[in-house]
Amino acid sequence: NIWRNSDMKHYTCNRKTGTREMLSPM
């Protein structure tokens, strides 16, 4: 997950970039 401290908005990783790697949205 990526988290923003000011409002605790977060996104879950959803983009595979490798066998065991993932990226979240920004």
mmCIF file of all heavy atoms, coordinates in Angstrom:
data_MODEL
# 
_entry.id   MODEL 
# 
loop_
_atom_site.group_PDB 
_atom_site.id 
_atom_site.type_symbol 
_atom_site.label_atom_id 
_atom_site.label_alt_id 
_atom_site.label_comp_id 
_atom_site.label_asym_id 
_atom_site.label_entity_id 
_atom_site.label_seq_id 
_atom_site.pdbx_PDB_ins_code 
_atom_site.Cartn_x 
_atom_site.Cartn_y 
_atom_site.Cartn_z 
_atom_site.occupancy 
_atom_site.B_iso_or_equiv 
_atom_site.pdbx_formal_charge 
_atom_site.auth_seq_id 
_atom_site.auth_comp_id 
_atom_site.auth_asym_id 
_atom_site.auth_atom_id 
_atom_site.pdbx_PDB_model_num 
ATOM 1   N N   . ASN A 1 1  ? 0.849  -1.190  0.000   1.00 0.00 ? 1  ASN A N   1 
ATOM 2   C CA  . ASN A 1 1  ? 0.000  0.000   0.000   1.00 0.00 ? 1  ASN A CA  1 
ATOM 3   C C   . ASN A 1 1  ? 0.880  1.233   0.000   1.00 0.00 ? 1  ASN A C   1 
ATOM 4   O O   . ASN A 1 1  ? 1.971  1.219   0.583   1.00 0.00 ? 1  ASN A O   1 
ATOM 5   C CB  . ASN A 1 1  ? -0.889 0.065   1.248   1.00 0.00 ? 1  ASN A CB  1 
ATOM 6   C CG  . ASN A 1 1  ? -2.037 -0.909  1.214   1.00 0.00 ? 1  ASN A CG  1 
ATOM 7   O OD1 . ASN A 1 1  ? -2.604 -1.179  0.169   1.00 0.00 ? 1  ASN A OD1 1 
ATOM 8   N ND2 . ASN A 1 1  ? -2.390 -1.436  2.363   1.00 0.00 ? 1  ASN A ND2 1 
ATOM 9   N N   . ILE A 1 2  ? 0.389  2.286   -0.609  1.00 0.00 ? 2  ILE A N   1 
ATOM 10  C CA  . ILE A 1 2  ? 0.975  3.619   -0.468  1.00 0.00 ? 2  ILE A CA  1 
ATOM 11  C C   . ILE A 1 2  ? -0.020 4.424   0.359   1.00 0.00 ? 2  ILE A C   1 
ATOM 12  O O   . ILE A 1 2  ? -1.231 4.300   0.156   1.00 0.00 ? 2  ILE A O   1 
ATOM 13  C CB  . ILE A 1 2  ? 1.262  4.299   -1.835  1.00 0.00 ? 2  ILE A CB  1 
ATOM 14  C CG1 . ILE A 1 2  ? 1.946  5.648   -1.647  1.00 0.00 ? 2  ILE A CG1 1 
ATOM 15  C CG2 . ILE A 1 2  ? 0.000  4.441   -2.673  1.00 0.00 ? 2  ILE A CG2 1 
ATOM 16  C CD1 . ILE A 1 2  ? 3.334  5.569   -1.101  1.00 0.00 ? 2  ILE A CD1 1 
ATOM 17  N N   . TRP A 1 3  ? 0.488  5.193   1.312   1.00 0.00 ? 3  TRP A N   1 
ATOM 18  C CA  . TRP A 1 3  ? -0.359 5.944   2.242   1.00 0.00 ? 3  TRP A CA  1 
ATOM 19  C C   . TRP A 1 3  ? 0.023  7.421   2.210   1.00 0.00 ? 3  TRP A C   1 
ATOM 20  O O   . TRP A 1 3  ? 1.203  7.755   2.159   1.00 0.00 ? 3  TRP A O   1 
ATOM 21  C CB  . TRP A 1 3  ? -0.136 5.451   3.673   1.00 0.00 ? 3  TRP A CB  1 
ATOM 22  C CG  . TRP A 1 3  ? -0.522 4.044   3.909   1.00 0.00 ? 3  TRP A CG  1 
ATOM 23  C CD1 . TRP A 1 3  ? 0.234  2.925   3.665   1.00 0.00 ? 3  TRP A CD1 1 
ATOM 24  C CD2 . TRP A 1 3  ? -1.755 3.577   4.449   1.00 0.00 ? 3  TRP A CD2 1 
ATOM 25  N NE1 . TRP A 1 3  ? -0.458 1.800   4.023   1.00 0.00 ? 3  TRP A NE1 1 
ATOM 26  C CE2 . TRP A 1 3  ? -1.681 2.173   4.507   1.00 0.00 ? 3  TRP A CE2 1 
ATOM 27  C CE3 . TRP A 1 3  ? -2.907 4.212   4.890   1.00 0.00 ? 3  TRP A CE3 1 
ATOM 28  C CZ2 . TRP A 1 3  ? -2.723 1.392   4.984   1.00 0.00 ? 3  TRP A CZ2 1 
ATOM 29  C CZ3 . TRP A 1 3  ? -3.943 3.432   5.367   1.00 0.00 ? 3  TRP A CZ3 1 
ATOM 30  C CH2 . TRP A 1 3  ? -3.844 2.033   5.413   1.00 0.00 ? 3  TRP A CH2 1 
ATOM 31  N N   . ARG A 1 4  ? -0.966 8.298   2.286   1.00 0.00 ? 4  ARG A N   1 
ATOM 32  C CA  . ARG A 1 4  ? -0.721 9.733   2.430   1.00 0.00 ? 4  ARG A CA  1 
ATOM 33  C C   . ARG A 1 4  ? -1.033 10.094  3.872   1.00 0.00 ? 4  ARG A C   1 
ATOM 34  O O   . ARG A 1 4  ? -2.127 9.820   4.366   1.00 0.00 ? 4  ARG A O   1 
ATOM 35  C CB  . ARG A 1 4  ? -1.595 10.531  1.459   1.00 0.00 ? 4  ARG A CB  1 
ATOM 36  C CG  . ARG A 1 4  ? -1.319 12.022  1.523   1.00 0.00 ? 4  ARG A CG  1 
ATOM 37  C CD  . ARG A 1 4  ? -1.923 12.825  0.373   1.00 0.00 ? 4  ARG A CD  1 
ATOM 38  N NE  . ARG A 1 4  ? -3.314 12.521  0.134   1.00 0.00 ? 4  ARG A NE  1 
ATOM 39  C CZ  . ARG A 1 4  ? -3.854 12.406  -1.091  1.00 0.00 ? 4  ARG A CZ  1 
ATOM 40  N NH1 . ARG A 1 4  ? -3.117 12.553  -2.172  1.00 0.00 ? 4  ARG A NH1 1 
ATOM 41  N NH2 . ARG A 1 4  ? -5.136 12.144  -1.227  1.00 0.00 ? 4  ARG A NH2 1 
ATOM 42  N N   . ASN A 1 5  ? -0.081 10.713  4.553   1.00 0.00 ? 5  ASN A N   1 
ATOM 43  C CA  . ASN A 1 5  ? -0.231 11.001  5.977   1.00 0.00 ? 5  ASN A CA  1 
ATOM 44  C C   . ASN A 1 5  ? -1.327 12.014  6.299   1.00 0.00 ? 5  ASN A C   1 
ATOM 45  O O   . ASN A 1 5  ? -1.977 11.899  7.340   1.00 0.00 ? 5  ASN A O   1 
ATOM 46  C CB  . ASN A 1 5  ? 1.093  11.492  6.574   1.00 0.00 ? 5  ASN A CB  1 
ATOM 47  C CG  . ASN A 1 5  ? 2.058  10.353  6.804   1.00 0.00 ? 5  ASN A CG  1 
ATOM 48  O OD1 . ASN A 1 5  ? 1.686  9.307   7.320   1.00 0.00 ? 5  ASN A OD1 1 
ATOM 49  N ND2 . ASN A 1 5  ? 3.304  10.539  6.397   1.00 0.00 ? 5  ASN A ND2 1 
ATOM 50  N N   . SER A 1 6  ? -1.564 12.994  5.465   1.00 0.00 ? 6  SER A N   1 
ATOM 51  C CA  . SER A 1 6  ? -2.508 14.059  5.803   1.00 0.00 ? 6  SER A CA  1 
ATOM 52  C C   . SER A 1 6  ? -3.947 13.563  5.932   1.00 0.00 ? 6  SER A C   1 
ATOM 53  O O   . SER A 1 6  ? -4.701 14.062  6.760   1.00 0.00 ? 6  SER A O   1 
ATOM 54  C CB  . SER A 1 6  ? -2.448 15.187  4.777   1.00 0.00 ? 6  SER A CB  1 
ATOM 55  O OG  . SER A 1 6  ? -2.827 14.711  3.498   1.00 0.00 ? 6  SER A OG  1 
ATOM 56  N N   . ASP A 1 7  ? -4.340 12.589  5.108   1.00 0.00 ? 7  ASP A N   1 
ATOM 57  C CA  . ASP A 1 7  ? -5.718 12.107  5.163   1.00 0.00 ? 7  ASP A CA  1 
ATOM 58  C C   . ASP A 1 7  ? -5.827 10.581  5.198   1.00 0.00 ? 7  ASP A C   1 
ATOM 59  O O   . ASP A 1 7  ? -6.907 10.038  5.153   1.00 0.00 ? 7  ASP A O   1 
ATOM 60  C CB  . ASP A 1 7  ? -6.530 12.652  3.986   1.00 0.00 ? 7  ASP A CB  1 
ATOM 61  C CG  . ASP A 1 7  ? -5.953 12.267  2.628   1.00 0.00 ? 7  ASP A CG  1 
ATOM 62  O OD1 . ASP A 1 7  ? -4.950 11.524  2.569   1.00 0.00 ? 7  ASP A OD1 1 
ATOM 63  O OD2 . ASP A 1 7  ? -6.516 12.722  1.612   1.00 0.00 ? 7  ASP A OD2 1 
ATOM 64  N N   . MET A 1 8  ? -4.690 9.901   5.290   1.00 0.00 ? 8  MET A N   1 
ATOM 65  C CA  . MET A 1 8  ? -4.586 8.434   5.311   1.00 0.00 ? 8  MET A CA  1 
ATOM 66  C C   . MET A 1 8  ? -5.206 7.787   4.067   1.00 0.00 ? 8  MET A C   1 
ATOM 67  O O   . MET A 1 8  ? -5.557 6.614   4.079   1.00 0.00 ? 8  MET A O   1 
ATOM 68  C CB  . MET A 1 8  ? -5.181 7.843   6.592   1.00 0.00 ? 8  MET A CB  1 
ATOM 69  C CG  . MET A 1 8  ? -4.388 8.207   7.845   1.00 0.00 ? 8  MET A CG  1 
ATOM 70  S SD  . MET A 1 8  ? -2.611 7.856   7.732   1.00 0.00 ? 8  MET A SD  1 
ATOM 71  C CE  . MET A 1 8  ? -2.623 6.092   7.952   1.00 0.00 ? 8  MET A CE  1 
ATOM 72  N N   . LYS A 1 9  ? -5.331 8.553   2.985   1.00 0.00 ? 9  LYS A N   1 
ATOM 73  C CA  . LYS A 1 9  ? -5.757 7.968   1.714   1.00 0.00 ? 9  LYS A CA  1 
ATOM 74  C C   . LYS A 1 9  ? -4.693 6.959   1.314   1.00 0.00 ? 9  LYS A C   1 
ATOM 75  O O   . LYS A 1 9  ? -3.503 7.175   1.531   1.00 0.00 ? 9  LYS A O   1 
ATOM 76  C CB  . LYS A 1 9  ? -5.897 9.038   0.638   1.00 0.00 ? 9  LYS A CB  1 
ATOM 77  C CG  . LYS A 1 9  ? -6.382 8.477   -0.694  1.00 0.00 ? 9  LYS A CG  1 
ATOM 78  C CD  . LYS A 1 9  ? -6.737 9.589   -1.644  1.00 0.00 ? 9  LYS A CD  1 
ATOM 79  C CE  . LYS A 1 9  ? -7.259 9.052   -2.951  1.00 0.00 ? 9  LYS A CE  1 
ATOM 80  N NZ  . LYS A 1 9  ? -8.585 8.445   -2.855  1.00 0.00 ? 9  LYS A NZ  1 
ATOM 81  N N   . HIS A 1 10 ? -5.123 5.839   0.740   1.00 0.00 ? 10 HIS A N   1 
ATOM 82  C CA  . HIS A 1 10 ? -4.155 4.825   0.348   1.00 0.00 ? 10 HIS A CA  1 
ATOM 83  C C   . HIS A 1 10 ? -4.641 4.057   -0.874  1.00 0.00 ? 10 HIS A C   1 
ATOM 84  O O   . HIS A 1 10 ? -5.831 4.019   -1.160  1.00 0.00 ? 10 HIS A O   1 
ATOM 85  C CB  . HIS A 1 10 ? -3.866 3.866   1.505   1.00 0.00 ? 10 HIS A CB  1 
ATOM 86  C CG  . HIS A 1 10 ? -5.046 3.058   1.925   1.00 0.00 ? 10 HIS A CG  1 
ATOM 87  N ND1 . HIS A 1 10 ? -6.062 3.567   2.704   1.00 0.00 ? 10 HIS A ND1 1 
ATOM 88  C CD2 . HIS A 1 10 ? -5.398 1.785   1.653   1.00 0.00 ? 10 HIS A CD2 1 
ATOM 89  C CE1 . HIS A 1 10 ? -6.965 2.627   2.910   1.00 0.00 ? 10 HIS A CE1 1 
ATOM 90  N NE2 . HIS A 1 10 ? -6.602 1.532   2.273   1.00 0.00 ? 10 HIS A NE2 1 
ATOM 91  N N   . TYR A 1 11 ? -3.669 3.496   -1.571  1.00 0.00 ? 11 TYR A N   1 
ATOM 92  C CA  . TYR A 1 11 ? -3.934 2.619   -2.706  1.00 0.00 ? 11 TYR A CA  1 
ATOM 93  C C   . TYR A 1 11 ? -3.146 1.331   -2.508  1.00 0.00 ? 11 TYR A C   1 
ATOM 94  O O   . TYR A 1 11 ? -2.055 1.338   -1.949  1.00 0.00 ? 11 TYR A O   1 
ATOM 95  C CB  . TYR A 1 11 ? -3.498 3.250   -4.031  1.00 0.00 ? 11 TYR A CB  1 
ATOM 96  C CG  . TYR A 1 11 ? -4.336 4.411   -4.469  1.00 0.00 ? 11 TYR A CG  1 
ATOM 97  C CD1 . TYR A 1 11 ? -3.817 5.693   -4.507  1.00 0.00 ? 11 TYR A CD1 1 
ATOM 98  C CD2 . TYR A 1 11 ? -5.659 4.228   -4.867  1.00 0.00 ? 11 TYR A CD2 1 
ATOM 99  C CE1 . TYR A 1 11 ? -4.580 6.763   -4.924  1.00 0.00 ? 11 TYR A CE1 1 
ATOM 100 C CE2 . TYR A 1 11 ? -6.431 5.297   -5.274  1.00 0.00 ? 11 TYR A CE2 1 
ATOM 101 C CZ  . TYR A 1 11 ? -5.887 6.557   -5.306  1.00 0.00 ? 11 TYR A CZ  1 
ATOM 102 O OH  . TYR A 1 11 ? -6.651 7.616   -5.711  1.00 0.00 ? 11 TYR A OH  1 
ATOM 103 N N   . THR A 1 12 ? -3.711 0.253   -3.025  1.00 0.00 ? 12 THR A N   1 
ATOM 104 C CA  . THR A 1 12 ? -3.071 -1.052  -2.961  1.00 0.00 ? 12 THR A CA  1 
ATOM 105 C C   . THR A 1 12 ? -2.335 -1.316  -4.270  1.00 0.00 ? 12 THR A C   1 
ATOM 106 O O   . THR A 1 12 ? -2.809 -0.930  -5.338  1.00 0.00 ? 12 THR A O   1 
ATOM 107 C CB  . THR A 1 12 ? -4.136 -2.138  -2.721  1.00 0.00 ? 12 THR A CB  1 
ATOM 108 O OG1 . THR A 1 12 ? -4.783 -1.855  -1.475  1.00 0.00 ? 12 THR A OG1 1 
ATOM 109 C CG2 . THR A 1 12 ? -3.526 -3.523  -2.654  1.00 0.00 ? 12 THR A CG2 1 
ATOM 110 N N   . CYS A 1 13 ? -1.197 -1.975  -4.163  1.00 0.00 ? 13 CYS A N   1 
ATOM 111 C CA  . CYS A 1 13 ? -0.427 -2.321  -5.363  1.00 0.00 ? 13 CYS A CA  1 
ATOM 112 C C   . CYS A 1 13 ? -1.295 -3.139  -6.310  1.00 0.00 ? 13 CYS A C   1 
ATOM 113 O O   . CYS A 1 13 ? -1.997 -4.055  -5.883  1.00 0.00 ? 13 CYS A O   1 
ATOM 114 C CB  . CYS A 1 13 ? 0.805  -3.131  -4.993  1.00 0.00 ? 13 CYS A CB  1 
ATOM 115 S SG  . CYS A 1 13 ? 2.043  -2.142  -4.158  1.00 0.00 ? 13 CYS A SG  1 
ATOM 116 N N   . ASN A 1 14 ? -1.237 -2.794  -7.589  1.00 0.00 ? 14 ASN A N   1 
ATOM 117 C CA  . ASN A 1 14 ? -2.069 -3.485  -8.562  1.00 0.00 ? 14 ASN A CA  1 
ATOM 118 C C   . ASN A 1 14 ? -1.366 -3.722  -9.892  1.00 0.00 ? 14 ASN A C   1 
ATOM 119 O O   . ASN A 1 14 ? -1.949 -4.248  -10.812 1.00 0.00 ? 14 ASN A O   1 
ATOM 120 C CB  . ASN A 1 14 ? -3.359 -2.695  -8.805  1.00 0.00 ? 14 ASN A CB  1 
ATOM 121 C CG  . ASN A 1 14 ? -3.095 -1.311  -9.359  1.00 0.00 ? 14 ASN A CG  1 
ATOM 122 O OD1 . ASN A 1 14 ? -1.956 -0.937  -9.641  1.00 0.00 ? 14 ASN A OD1 1 
ATOM 123 N ND2 . ASN A 1 14 ? -4.142 -0.535  -9.506  1.00 0.00 ? 14 ASN A ND2 1 
ATOM 124 N N   . ARG A 1 15 ? -0.096 -3.316  -10.016 1.00 0.00 ? 15 ARG A N   1 
ATOM 125 C CA  . ARG A 1 15 ? 0.617  -3.457  -11.279 1.00 0.00 ? 15 ARG A CA  1 
ATOM 126 C C   . ARG A 1 15 ? 1.837  -4.335  -11.074 1.00 0.00 ? 15 ARG A C   1 
ATOM 127 O O   . ARG A 1 15 ? 2.761  -3.965  -10.369 1.00 0.00 ? 15 ARG A O   1 
ATOM 128 C CB  . ARG A 1 15 ? 1.051  -2.089  -11.786 1.00 0.00 ? 15 ARG A CB  1 
ATOM 129 C CG  . ARG A 1 15 ? 1.698  -2.124  -13.139 1.00 0.00 ? 15 ARG A CG  1 
ATOM 130 C CD  . ARG A 1 15 ? 2.065  -0.685  -13.534 1.00 0.00 ? 15 ARG A CD  1 
ATOM 131 N NE  . ARG A 1 15 ? 2.213  -0.486  -14.930 1.00 0.00 ? 15 ARG A NE  1 
ATOM 132 C CZ  . ARG A 1 15 ? 3.288  -0.852  -15.608 1.00 0.00 ? 15 ARG A CZ  1 
ATOM 133 N NH1 . ARG A 1 15 ? 4.276  -1.472  -15.021 1.00 0.00 ? 15 ARG A NH1 1 
ATOM 134 N NH2 . ARG A 1 15 ? 3.360  -0.596  -16.895 1.00 0.00 ? 15 ARG A NH2 1 
ATOM 135 N N   . LYS A 1 16 ? 1.825  -5.518  -11.710 1.00 0.00 ? 16 LYS A N   1 
ATOM 136 C CA  . LYS A 1 16 ? 2.987  -6.408  -11.627 1.00 0.00 ? 16 LYS A CA  1 
ATOM 137 C C   . LYS A 1 16 ? 4.104  -5.863  -12.498 1.00 0.00 ? 16 LYS A C   1 
ATOM 138 O O   . LYS A 1 16 ? 3.872  -5.468  -13.634 1.00 0.00 ? 16 LYS A O   1 
ATOM 139 C CB  . LYS A 1 16 ? 2.629  -7.817  -12.073 1.00 0.00 ? 16 LYS A CB  1 
ATOM 140 C CG  . LYS A 1 16 ? 1.820  -8.561  -11.052 1.00 0.00 ? 16 LYS A CG  1 
ATOM 141 C CD  . LYS A 1 16 ? 1.752  -10.020 -11.405 1.00 0.00 ? 16 LYS A CD  1 
ATOM 142 C CE  . LYS A 1 16 ? 1.710  -10.762 -10.102 1.00 0.00 ? 16 LYS A CE  1 
ATOM 143 N NZ  . LYS A 1 16 ? 2.422  -11.973 -10.112 1.00 0.00 ? 16 LYS A NZ  1 
ATOM 144 N N   . THR A 1 17 ? 5.315  -5.839  -11.965 1.00 0.00 ? 17 THR A N   1 
ATOM 145 C CA  . THR A 1 17 ? 6.473  -5.390  -12.723 1.00 0.00 ? 17 THR A CA  1 
ATOM 146 C C   . THR A 1 17 ? 7.517  -6.493  -12.841 1.00 0.00 ? 17 THR A C   1 
ATOM 147 O O   . THR A 1 17 ? 8.540  -6.309  -13.464 1.00 0.00 ? 17 THR A O   1 
ATOM 148 C CB  . THR A 1 17 ? 7.116  -4.154  -12.076 1.00 0.00 ? 17 THR A CB  1 
ATOM 149 O OG1 . THR A 1 17 ? 7.498  -4.488  -10.734 1.00 0.00 ? 17 THR A OG1 1 
ATOM 150 C CG2 . THR A 1 17 ? 6.150  -2.991  -12.048 1.00 0.00 ? 17 THR A CG2 1 
ATOM 151 N N   . GLY A 1 18 ? 7.267  -7.620  -12.219 1.00 0.00 ? 18 GLY A N   1 
ATOM 152 C CA  . GLY A 1 18 ? 8.182  -8.753  -12.241 1.00 0.00 ? 18 GLY A CA  1 
ATOM 153 C C   . GLY A 1 18 ? 7.487  -9.937  -11.601 1.00 0.00 ? 18 GLY A C   1 
ATOM 154 O O   . GLY A 1 18 ? 6.330  -9.861  -11.213 1.00 0.00 ? 18 GLY A O   1 
ATOM 155 N N   . THR A 1 19 ? 8.200  -11.042 -11.494 1.00 0.00 ? 19 THR A N   1 
ATOM 156 C CA  . THR A 1 19 ? 7.616  -12.242 -10.918 1.00 0.00 ? 19 THR A CA  1 
ATOM 157 C C   . THR A 1 19 ? 7.104  -11.996 -9.514  1.00 0.00 ? 19 THR A C   1 
ATOM 158 O O   . THR A 1 19 ? 6.009  -12.399 -9.159  1.00 0.00 ? 19 THR A O   1 
ATOM 159 C CB  . THR A 1 19 ? 8.659  -13.379 -10.894 1.00 0.00 ? 19 THR A CB  1 
ATOM 160 O OG1 . THR A 1 19 ? 9.157  -13.550 -12.216 1.00 0.00 ? 19 THR A OG1 1 
ATOM 161 C CG2 . THR A 1 19 ? 8.041  -14.670 -10.411 1.00 0.00 ? 19 THR A CG2 1 
ATOM 162 N N   . ARG A 1 20 ? 7.910  -11.320 -8.703  1.00 0.00 ? 20 ARG A N   1 
ATOM 163 C CA  . ARG A 1 20 ? 7.512  -11.036 -7.324  1.00 0.00 ? 20 ARG A CA  1 
ATOM 164 C C   . ARG A 1 20 ? 7.702  -9.556  -7.000  1.00 0.00 ? 20 ARG A C   1 
ATOM 165 O O   . ARG A 1 20 ? 8.220  -9.202  -5.945  1.00 0.00 ? 20 ARG A O   1 
ATOM 166 C CB  . ARG A 1 20 ? 8.299  -11.935 -6.382  1.00 0.00 ? 20 ARG A CB  1 
ATOM 167 C CG  . ARG A 1 20 ? 7.832  -13.400 -6.452  1.00 0.00 ? 20 ARG A CG  1 
ATOM 168 C CD  . ARG A 1 20 ? 8.648  -14.308 -5.570  1.00 0.00 ? 20 ARG A CD  1 
ATOM 169 N NE  . ARG A 1 20 ? 10.051 -14.351 -5.902  1.00 0.00 ? 20 ARG A NE  1 
ATOM 170 C CZ  . ARG A 1 20 ? 10.600 -15.138 -6.825  1.00 0.00 ? 20 ARG A CZ  1 
ATOM 171 N NH1 . ARG A 1 20 ? 9.858  -15.958 -7.504  1.00 0.00 ? 20 ARG A NH1 1 
ATOM 172 N NH2 . ARG A 1 20 ? 11.892 -15.121 -7.049  1.00 0.00 ? 20 ARG A NH2 1 
ATOM 173 N N   . GLU A 1 21 ? 7.284  -8.691  -7.925  1.00 0.00 ? 21 GLU A N   1 
ATOM 174 C CA  . GLU A 1 21 ? 7.322  -7.247  -7.715  1.00 0.00 ? 21 GLU A CA  1 
ATOM 175 C C   . GLU A 1 21 ? 5.999  -6.637  -8.159  1.00 0.00 ? 21 GLU A C   1 
ATOM 176 O O   . GLU A 1 21 ? 5.412  -7.087  -9.135  1.00 0.00 ? 21 GLU A O   1 
ATOM 177 C CB  . GLU A 1 21 ? 8.424  -6.585  -8.541  1.00 0.00 ? 21 GLU A CB  1 
ATOM 178 C CG  . GLU A 1 21 ? 9.817  -6.904  -8.122  1.00 0.00 ? 21 GLU A CG  1 
ATOM 179 C CD  . GLU A 1 21 ? 10.834 -6.230  -9.038  1.00 0.00 ? 21 GLU A CD  1 
ATOM 180 O OE1 . GLU A 1 21 ? 10.471 -5.652  -10.075 1.00 0.00 ? 21 GLU A OE1 1 
ATOM 181 O OE2 . GLU A 1 21 ? 12.019 -6.308  -8.699  1.00 0.00 ? 21 GLU A OE2 1 
ATOM 182 N N   . MET A 1 22 ? 5.572  -5.621  -7.431  1.00 0.00 ? 22 MET A N   1 
ATOM 183 C CA  . MET A 1 22 ? 4.347  -4.896  -7.783  1.00 0.00 ? 22 MET A CA  1 
ATOM 184 C C   . MET A 1 22 ? 4.515  -3.424  -7.439  1.00 0.00 ? 22 MET A C   1 
ATOM 185 O O   . MET A 1 22 ? 5.259  -3.081  -6.521  1.00 0.00 ? 22 MET A O   1 
ATOM 186 C CB  . MET A 1 22 ? 3.148  -5.454  -7.012  1.00 0.00 ? 22 MET A CB  1 
ATOM 187 C CG  . MET A 1 22 ? 2.760  -6.855  -7.373  1.00 0.00 ? 22 MET A CG  1 
ATOM 188 S SD  . MET A 1 22 ? 1.405  -7.469  -6.345  1.00 0.00 ? 22 MET A SD  1 
ATOM 189 C CE  . MET A 1 22 ? 0.020  -6.631  -7.087  1.00 0.00 ? 22 MET A CE  1 
ATOM 190 N N   . LEU A 1 23 ? 3.784  -2.556  -8.164  1.00 0.00 ? 23 LEU A N   1 
ATOM 191 C CA  . LEU A 1 23 ? 3.749  -1.120  -7.910  1.00 0.00 ? 23 LEU A CA  1 
ATOM 192 C C   . LEU A 1 23 ? 2.336  -0.697  -7.539  1.00 0.00 ? 23 LEU A C   1 
ATOM 193 O O   . LEU A 1 23 ? 1.366  -1.271  -8.026  1.00 0.00 ? 23 LEU A O   1 
ATOM 194 C CB  . LEU A 1 23 ? 4.128  -0.324  -9.164  1.00 0.00 ? 23 LEU A CB  1 
ATOM 195 C CG  . LEU A 1 23 ? 5.552  -0.344  -9.650  1.00 0.00 ? 23 LEU A CG  1 
ATOM 196 C CD1 . LEU A 1 23 ? 5.658  0.430   -10.962 1.00 0.00 ? 23 LEU A CD1 1 
ATOM 197 C CD2 . LEU A 1 23 ? 6.487  0.225   -8.619  1.00 0.00 ? 23 LEU A CD2 1 
ATOM 198 N N   . SER A 1 24 ? 2.248  0.338   -6.743  1.00 0.00 ? 24 SER A N   1 
ATOM 199 C CA  . SER A 1 24 ? 0.945  0.933   -6.432  1.00 0.00 ? 24 SER A CA  1 
ATOM 200 C C   . SER A 1 24 ? 0.686  2.093   -7.385  1.00 0.00 ? 24 SER A C   1 
ATOM 201 O O   . SER A 1 24 ? 1.611  2.609   -8.009  1.00 0.00 ? 24 SER A O   1 
ATOM 202 C CB  . SER A 1 24 ? 0.935  1.462   -4.996  1.00 0.00 ? 24 SER A CB  1 
ATOM 203 O OG  . SER A 1 24 ? 1.704  2.652   -4.905  1.00 0.00 ? 24 SER A OG  1 
ATOM 204 N N   . PRO A 1 25 ? -0.562 2.553   -7.445  1.00 0.00 ? 25 PRO A N   1 
ATOM 205 C CA  . PRO A 1 25 ? -0.827 3.830   -8.094  1.00 0.00 ? 25 PRO A CA  1 
ATOM 206 C C   . PRO A 1 25 ? -0.176 4.944   -7.263  1.00 0.00 ? 25 PRO A C   1 
ATOM 207 O O   . PRO A 1 25 ? 0.243  4.716   -6.128  1.00 0.00 ? 25 PRO A O   1 
ATOM 208 C CB  . PRO A 1 25 ? -2.356 3.951   -8.044  1.00 0.00 ? 25 PRO A CB  1 
ATOM 209 C CG  . PRO A 1 25 ? -2.846 2.561   -7.834  1.00 0.00 ? 25 PRO A CG  1 
ATOM 210 C CD  . PRO A 1 25 ? -1.790 1.875   -7.033  1.00 0.00 ? 25 PRO A CD  1 
ATOM 211 N N   . MET A 1 26 ? -0.141 6.134   -7.819  1.00 0.00 ? 26 MET A N   1 
ATOM 212 C CA  . MET A 1 26 ? 0.519  7.257   -7.145  1.00 0.00 ? 26 MET A CA  1 
ATOM 213 C C   . MET A 1 26 ? -0.454 8.049   -6.267  1.00 0.00 ? 26 MET A C   1 
ATOM 214 O O   . MET A 1 26 ? -1.657 8.024   -6.479  1.00 0.00 ? 26 MET A O   1 
ATOM 215 C CB  . MET A 1 26 ? 1.094  8.229   -8.179  1.00 0.00 ? 26 MET A CB  1 
ATOM 216 C CG  . MET A 1 26 ? 2.160  7.647   -9.034  1.00 0.00 ? 26 MET A CG  1 
ATOM 217 S SD  . MET A 1 26 ? 2.872  8.867   -10.166 1.00 0.00 ? 26 MET A SD  1 
ATOM 218 C CE  . MET A 1 26 ? 1.473  9.253   -11.207 1.00 0.00 ? 26 MET A CE  1 
# 
